[in-house]
N, C-alpha and C. Protein backbone atom coordinates (compact mmCIF):
# COMPACT_ATOMS: atom_id res chain seq x y z
N UNK A 1 -6.84 22.80 -48.99
CA UNK A 1 -7.63 23.50 -50.00
C UNK A 1 -8.18 22.45 -50.01
N UNK A 2 -9.62 22.28 -49.76
CA UNK A 2 -10.56 21.35 -50.39
C UNK A 2 -10.29 21.49 -52.01
N UNK A 3 -9.98 20.56 -52.41
CA UNK A 3 -10.50 20.73 -53.70
C UNK A 3 -11.61 19.03 -54.57
N UNK A 4 -12.57 19.21 -53.52
CA UNK A 4 -13.68 18.28 -53.57
C UNK A 4 -14.43 19.16 -54.83
N UNK A 5 -15.41 18.29 -56.17
CA UNK A 5 -16.31 18.97 -56.21
C UNK A 5 -17.58 17.58 -55.90
N UNK A 6 -18.65 18.31 -55.70
CA UNK A 6 -19.76 17.57 -54.78
C UNK A 6 -20.46 17.43 -56.42
N UNK A 7 -20.96 16.07 -56.81
CA UNK A 7 -21.95 16.30 -58.39
C UNK A 7 -23.09 15.40 -57.60
N UNK A 8 -24.47 16.29 -58.32
CA UNK A 8 -25.68 15.15 -57.76
C UNK A 8 -25.93 14.76 -58.96
N UNK A 9 -26.56 12.85 -58.63
CA UNK A 9 -26.61 11.95 -59.52
C UNK A 9 -28.23 11.77 -60.76
N UNK A 10 -28.98 12.52 -59.70
CA UNK A 10 -30.38 12.41 -60.83
C UNK A 10 -30.44 14.18 -61.43
N UNK A 11 -30.09 13.43 -62.64
CA UNK A 11 -30.60 15.55 -63.71
C UNK A 11 -29.17 15.56 -63.77
N UNK A 12 -28.10 15.02 -63.14
CA UNK A 12 -26.47 15.73 -63.24
C UNK A 12 -25.66 14.88 -64.50
N UNK A 13 -25.97 13.30 -63.52
CA UNK A 13 -25.43 12.09 -64.18
C UNK A 13 -26.42 11.87 -65.38
N UNK A 14 -27.14 11.05 -64.07
CA UNK A 14 -27.95 10.59 -64.71
C UNK A 14 -29.13 11.28 -65.40
N UNK A 15 -29.51 11.20 -66.75
CA UNK A 15 -30.06 12.59 -67.42
C UNK A 15 -31.60 12.23 -66.69
N UNK A 16 -32.31 11.63 -66.27
CA UNK A 16 -33.64 11.89 -65.48
C UNK A 16 -34.35 11.92 -66.59
N UNK A 17 -34.46 11.39 -67.78
CA UNK A 17 -35.78 11.80 -68.34
C UNK A 17 -36.72 11.29 -68.17
N UNK A 18 -36.96 9.98 -67.44
CA UNK A 18 -38.02 9.04 -67.26
C UNK A 18 -38.71 9.48 -65.69
N UNK A 19 -38.00 10.57 -64.81
CA UNK A 19 -38.38 10.63 -63.73
C UNK A 19 -38.16 9.68 -63.02
N UNK A 20 -38.46 9.66 -61.47
CA UNK A 20 -38.23 8.59 -60.62
C UNK A 20 -38.76 6.73 -60.71
N UNK A 21 -38.09 5.75 -60.98
CA UNK A 21 -38.49 4.73 -61.29
C UNK A 21 -38.09 4.07 -60.07
N UNK A 22 -38.00 4.09 -59.25
CA UNK A 22 -37.51 3.54 -57.80
C UNK A 22 -36.11 3.79 -57.55
N UNK A 23 -35.65 3.11 -56.57
CA UNK A 23 -33.72 3.35 -56.00
C UNK A 23 -32.95 2.55 -56.50
N UNK A 24 -33.48 1.75 -57.20
CA UNK A 24 -32.37 0.99 -57.79
C UNK A 24 -33.15 1.23 -59.24
N UNK A 25 -33.76 1.53 -60.08
CA UNK A 25 -33.75 1.56 -61.64
C UNK A 25 -33.61 2.54 -62.11
N UNK A 26 -32.37 2.62 -62.79
CA UNK A 26 -31.85 4.10 -63.58
C UNK A 26 -31.56 3.74 -64.68
N UNK A 27 -32.47 4.44 -65.08
CA UNK A 27 -33.20 3.71 -66.57
C UNK A 27 -32.37 4.74 -68.32
N UNK A 28 -32.41 5.77 -67.27
CA UNK A 28 -32.00 6.79 -68.98
C UNK A 28 -30.65 6.98 -69.09
N UNK A 29 -29.99 7.17 -70.42
CA UNK A 29 -28.29 7.98 -70.40
C UNK A 29 -27.77 8.92 -69.37
N UNK A 30 -26.75 9.45 -69.74
CA UNK A 30 -26.23 10.24 -69.13
C UNK A 30 -26.84 10.91 -69.46
N UNK A 31 -26.22 12.27 -69.05
CA UNK A 31 -26.47 13.92 -69.61
C UNK A 31 -25.29 14.28 -70.74
N UNK A 32 -25.52 14.61 -71.68
CA UNK A 32 -24.42 15.06 -72.81
C UNK A 32 -23.36 15.58 -71.72
N UNK A 33 -22.27 14.97 -72.45
CA UNK A 33 -20.63 15.48 -72.08
C UNK A 33 -20.53 15.23 -70.43
N UNK A 34 -21.40 14.51 -69.85
CA UNK A 34 -21.33 14.04 -68.63
C UNK A 34 -19.54 13.13 -68.26
N UNK A 35 -19.67 12.57 -69.10
CA UNK A 35 -17.84 11.30 -68.66
C UNK A 35 -17.16 12.54 -69.20
N UNK A 36 -16.60 12.79 -70.32
CA UNK A 36 -15.87 13.94 -70.43
C UNK A 36 -15.54 14.63 -69.72
N UNK A 37 -16.58 15.69 -68.82
CA UNK A 37 -16.27 16.61 -68.04
C UNK A 37 -16.14 16.11 -66.98
N UNK A 38 -16.51 14.99 -65.98
CA UNK A 38 -15.75 14.53 -65.12
C UNK A 38 -14.41 14.20 -65.58
N UNK A 39 -14.36 13.19 -66.71
CA UNK A 39 -12.74 13.16 -66.66
C UNK A 39 -11.66 14.09 -66.79
N UNK A 40 -12.17 15.44 -67.79
CA UNK A 40 -11.64 16.99 -67.32
C UNK A 40 -11.64 17.21 -65.90
N UNK A 41 -12.52 16.98 -65.12
CA UNK A 41 -12.05 17.65 -63.52
C UNK A 41 -11.22 17.16 -62.80
N UNK A 42 -11.39 15.70 -62.83
CA UNK A 42 -10.25 14.82 -62.47
C UNK A 42 -8.89 15.04 -62.63
N UNK A 43 -9.08 15.06 -64.35
CA UNK A 43 -7.59 15.36 -64.85
C UNK A 43 -6.90 17.35 -64.48
N UNK A 44 -7.87 17.98 -63.72
CA UNK A 44 -7.35 18.94 -63.54
C UNK A 44 -6.81 18.71 -61.53
N UNK A 45 -7.11 18.01 -61.29
CA UNK A 45 -6.76 17.39 -60.46
C UNK A 45 -7.70 17.68 -58.78
N UNK A 46 -8.96 17.79 -59.62
CA UNK A 46 -10.24 17.58 -58.40
C UNK A 46 -10.60 16.30 -58.35
N UNK A 47 -11.05 16.39 -56.99
CA UNK A 47 -11.53 15.29 -56.15
C UNK A 47 -13.25 14.87 -56.98
N UNK A 48 -14.25 14.48 -57.26
CA UNK A 48 -15.17 14.18 -58.12
C UNK A 48 -16.15 12.86 -56.60
N UNK A 49 -17.20 13.79 -55.97
CA UNK A 49 -17.90 12.83 -55.10
C UNK A 49 -19.11 13.08 -55.85
N UNK A 50 -19.83 11.88 -56.08
CA UNK A 50 -21.69 12.09 -56.38
C UNK A 50 -22.44 11.77 -55.15
N UNK A 51 -23.17 12.88 -54.87
CA UNK A 51 -24.17 12.30 -53.84
C UNK A 51 -26.10 12.49 -54.40
N UNK A 52 -26.37 11.52 -53.36
CA UNK A 52 -27.86 11.69 -53.98
C UNK A 52 -28.81 10.98 -53.00
N UNK A 53 -30.00 11.37 -52.96
CA UNK A 53 -30.86 10.69 -52.16
C UNK A 53 -31.48 8.88 -52.79
N UNK A 54 -30.25 8.94 -53.50
CA UNK A 54 -30.40 7.24 -53.37
C UNK A 54 -29.25 6.19 -52.88
N UNK A 55 -28.80 7.73 -51.95
CA UNK A 55 -27.45 6.47 -51.36
C UNK A 55 -27.49 6.62 -50.26
N UNK A 56 -28.79 6.89 -49.73
CA UNK A 56 -29.58 6.31 -48.38
C UNK A 56 -29.07 4.80 -48.00
N UNK A 57 -29.43 3.76 -49.02
CA UNK A 57 -29.31 2.72 -48.98
C UNK A 57 -28.30 2.01 -49.51
N UNK A 58 -27.47 0.93 -48.64
CA UNK A 58 -26.58 0.27 -49.88
C UNK A 58 -27.53 0.19 -51.27
N UNK A 59 -28.33 -0.38 -51.36
CA UNK A 59 -28.91 -0.82 -52.60
C UNK A 59 -29.03 0.55 -53.37
N UNK A 60 -28.58 1.61 -52.74
CA UNK A 60 -28.98 2.50 -53.90
C UNK A 60 -27.53 3.21 -54.50
N UNK A 61 -26.48 3.14 -53.07
CA UNK A 61 -25.06 3.31 -53.82
C UNK A 61 -24.50 2.72 -54.42
N UNK A 62 -25.20 1.09 -54.76
CA UNK A 62 -24.70 -0.10 -55.56
C UNK A 62 -24.92 0.04 -57.00
N UNK A 63 -26.38 0.87 -57.11
CA UNK A 63 -27.38 1.30 -58.10
C UNK A 63 -26.59 2.22 -58.59
N UNK A 64 -26.24 3.27 -57.94
CA UNK A 64 -25.19 4.18 -59.16
C UNK A 64 -23.77 3.76 -59.23
N UNK A 65 -23.20 3.15 -58.26
CA UNK A 65 -21.82 2.53 -58.38
C UNK A 65 -21.72 1.40 -59.85
N UNK A 66 -22.85 0.89 -60.03
CA UNK A 66 -23.50 0.06 -61.16
C UNK A 66 -23.16 0.90 -62.64
N UNK A 67 -23.73 1.82 -62.62
CA UNK A 67 -24.01 2.87 -63.34
C UNK A 67 -23.20 3.60 -64.59
N UNK A 68 -22.18 3.68 -62.91
CA UNK A 68 -21.16 4.86 -63.30
C UNK A 68 -20.38 3.76 -63.82
N UNK A 69 -20.48 2.44 -63.73
CA UNK A 69 -19.39 1.30 -64.30
C UNK A 69 -20.03 1.31 -66.06
N UNK A 70 -21.21 0.85 -66.01
CA UNK A 70 -22.08 0.40 -67.32
C UNK A 70 -21.93 2.29 -67.91
N UNK A 71 -21.57 3.00 -67.73
CA UNK A 71 -21.12 4.26 -68.74
C UNK A 71 -20.00 4.37 -68.64
N UNK A 72 -18.92 4.00 -68.24
CA UNK A 72 -17.29 4.43 -68.16
C UNK A 72 -17.35 5.78 -67.59
N UNK A 73 -17.99 6.03 -66.03
CA UNK A 73 -17.89 7.08 -65.84
C UNK A 73 -17.07 6.67 -64.40
N UNK A 74 -15.77 7.52 -64.38
CA UNK A 74 -15.04 7.39 -62.99
C UNK A 74 -15.32 8.43 -62.29
N UNK A 75 -15.37 7.97 -60.79
CA UNK A 75 -15.61 9.30 -60.47
C UNK A 75 -14.62 8.69 -58.46
N UNK A 76 -13.81 9.62 -57.80
CA UNK A 76 -13.88 9.76 -56.92
C UNK A 76 -13.94 8.66 -55.94
N UNK A 77 -15.60 8.71 -55.61
CA UNK A 77 -16.38 8.25 -54.26
C UNK A 77 -17.79 9.22 -54.35
N UNK A 78 -18.27 7.77 -54.04
CA UNK A 78 -20.20 8.11 -53.57
C UNK A 78 -20.52 7.60 -52.39
N UNK A 79 -21.12 8.67 -51.87
CA UNK A 79 -20.96 9.63 -50.60
C UNK A 79 -22.61 8.83 -50.13
N UNK A 80 -22.99 9.23 -48.99
CA UNK A 80 -24.64 8.27 -48.24
C UNK A 80 -24.85 10.38 -47.71
N UNK A 81 -23.49 10.93 -47.78
CA UNK A 81 -23.63 12.45 -47.47
C UNK A 81 -23.50 13.41 -47.77
N UNK A 82 -23.99 14.93 -47.54
CA UNK A 82 -22.83 15.55 -48.12
C UNK A 82 -21.85 15.51 -47.87
N UNK A 83 -20.97 15.88 -48.53
CA UNK A 83 -19.23 16.09 -48.29
C UNK A 83 -19.12 17.41 -47.60
N UNK A 84 -18.44 17.83 -47.38
CA UNK A 84 -17.20 19.16 -47.75
C UNK A 84 -16.77 19.28 -48.93
N UNK A 85 -16.54 20.20 -50.01
CA UNK A 85 -16.82 20.41 -50.85
C UNK A 85 -16.35 22.07 -51.48
N UNK A 86 -15.76 22.16 -52.57
CA UNK A 86 -15.68 23.53 -52.96
C UNK A 86 -17.01 24.33 -53.32
N UNK A 87 -17.84 23.31 -54.21
CA UNK A 87 -18.47 23.65 -55.20
C UNK A 87 -19.47 22.19 -55.37
N UNK A 88 -20.65 22.32 -55.33
CA UNK A 88 -21.84 21.58 -55.42
C UNK A 88 -22.21 21.65 -56.33
N UNK A 89 -23.03 20.52 -57.36
CA UNK A 89 -23.58 21.14 -58.42
C UNK A 89 -24.62 20.03 -58.77
N UNK A 90 -26.08 20.59 -58.61
CA UNK A 90 -26.91 19.70 -58.54
C UNK A 90 -28.40 20.68 -59.33
N UNK A 91 -28.99 19.79 -60.00
CA UNK A 91 -29.97 20.23 -61.00
C UNK A 91 -31.83 21.45 -60.27
N UNK A 92 -31.40 21.08 -59.36
CA UNK A 92 -32.46 21.95 -58.64
C UNK A 92 -32.11 22.52 -56.98
N UNK A 93 -31.00 23.28 -57.46
CA UNK A 93 -30.58 23.92 -56.39
C UNK A 93 -30.75 25.32 -56.76
N UNK A 94 -31.05 26.09 -55.65
CA UNK A 94 -30.77 27.86 -55.82
C UNK A 94 -29.45 28.20 -55.35
N UNK A 95 -29.13 29.79 -55.08
CA UNK A 95 -28.13 29.74 -54.45
C UNK A 95 -28.58 30.75 -53.80
N UNK A 96 -27.91 30.42 -52.43
CA UNK A 96 -28.38 31.57 -51.24
C UNK A 96 -27.42 32.65 -51.39
N UNK A 97 -27.51 34.02 -51.46
CA UNK A 97 -26.82 34.66 -51.28
C UNK A 97 -26.36 35.64 -50.69
N UNK A 98 -27.38 35.78 -49.19
CA UNK A 98 -27.57 35.90 -47.87
C UNK A 98 -28.99 36.90 -47.41
N UNK A 99 -29.09 36.96 -49.22
CA UNK A 99 -30.43 37.62 -49.38
C UNK A 99 -32.06 36.70 -49.33
N UNK A 100 -32.27 36.48 -48.35
CA UNK A 100 -34.06 35.88 -47.91
C UNK A 100 -34.56 36.28 -49.20
N UNK A 101 -35.18 38.14 -49.40
CA UNK A 101 -35.92 37.81 -50.76
C UNK A 101 -35.48 38.23 -51.72
N UNK A 102 -34.23 38.03 -52.03
CA UNK A 102 -33.68 37.19 -53.09
C UNK A 102 -33.58 36.13 -53.81
N UNK A 103 -33.85 34.58 -52.60
CA UNK A 103 -34.07 33.63 -52.71
C UNK A 103 -35.31 32.71 -53.05
N UNK A 104 -36.09 33.55 -52.45
CA UNK A 104 -37.67 33.62 -52.81
C UNK A 104 -37.74 33.84 -54.18
N UNK A 105 -37.29 35.39 -54.69
CA UNK A 105 -37.51 35.51 -56.29
C UNK A 105 -37.08 34.50 -56.43
N UNK A 106 -35.77 34.22 -56.50
CA UNK A 106 -35.52 32.94 -57.29
C UNK A 106 -35.62 31.76 -57.27
N UNK A 107 -36.67 31.32 -56.34
CA UNK A 107 -37.24 30.30 -56.07
C UNK A 107 -38.69 30.22 -57.00
N UNK A 108 -39.20 31.32 -57.09
CA UNK A 108 -40.08 32.28 -58.09
C UNK A 108 -40.33 31.80 -59.57
N UNK A 109 -39.17 32.09 -59.89
CA UNK A 109 -38.48 31.97 -60.72
C UNK A 109 -37.91 30.52 -61.66
N UNK A 110 -37.40 29.12 -60.55
CA UNK A 110 -36.78 28.00 -60.62
C UNK A 110 -37.69 27.76 -61.79
N UNK A 111 -36.73 27.18 -62.74
CA UNK A 111 -37.23 25.96 -63.63
C UNK A 111 -36.42 24.71 -63.63
N UNK A 112 -36.54 23.70 -64.28
CA UNK A 112 -35.52 22.78 -64.20
C UNK A 112 -35.40 22.25 -65.62
N UNK A 113 -34.56 22.12 -66.33
CA UNK A 113 -33.40 22.04 -67.51
C UNK A 113 -34.47 20.64 -68.28
N UNK A 114 -35.47 19.93 -67.74
CA UNK A 114 -36.13 19.01 -68.48
C UNK A 114 -37.73 19.82 -68.26
N UNK A 115 -38.39 20.72 -67.70
CA UNK A 115 -39.10 21.03 -67.94
C UNK A 115 -39.71 22.47 -66.65
N UNK A 116 -40.99 22.49 -66.70
CA UNK A 116 -40.95 23.91 -65.87
C UNK A 116 -41.79 23.13 -64.59
N UNK A 117 -40.87 23.19 -63.47
CA UNK A 117 -40.99 22.78 -61.84
C UNK A 117 -41.33 23.94 -61.13
N UNK A 118 -42.32 24.58 -61.30
CA UNK A 118 -42.87 25.66 -60.44
C UNK A 118 -42.83 25.61 -59.32
N UNK A 119 -42.74 26.13 -57.76
CA UNK A 119 -43.32 25.68 -57.10
C UNK A 119 -43.71 26.29 -56.24
């Protein structure tokens, strides 16, 4: 069984309070409890993989790697693609339940934890 948890970077690990500041500029602190939670998940034997739109280039992946090291956050992989996983954690996601009407309703109600981002 694949025991990978895939975490988005901005808004999940990086608090992203300032919004997008460029691919390599990551100015904000980690989200509260992030480091401890990742440690707990890894202690459970889960592989933690980070993916992000920043990962499209070597500079973006390097910026994430440096950020994680600076904040003493250890993960198993930083990935430029969406890897197979048992769970994906993303701050801007809607779960597809197999019903498109429900999906549209969920989209219409969606708000981001940093503020209202209606579609």
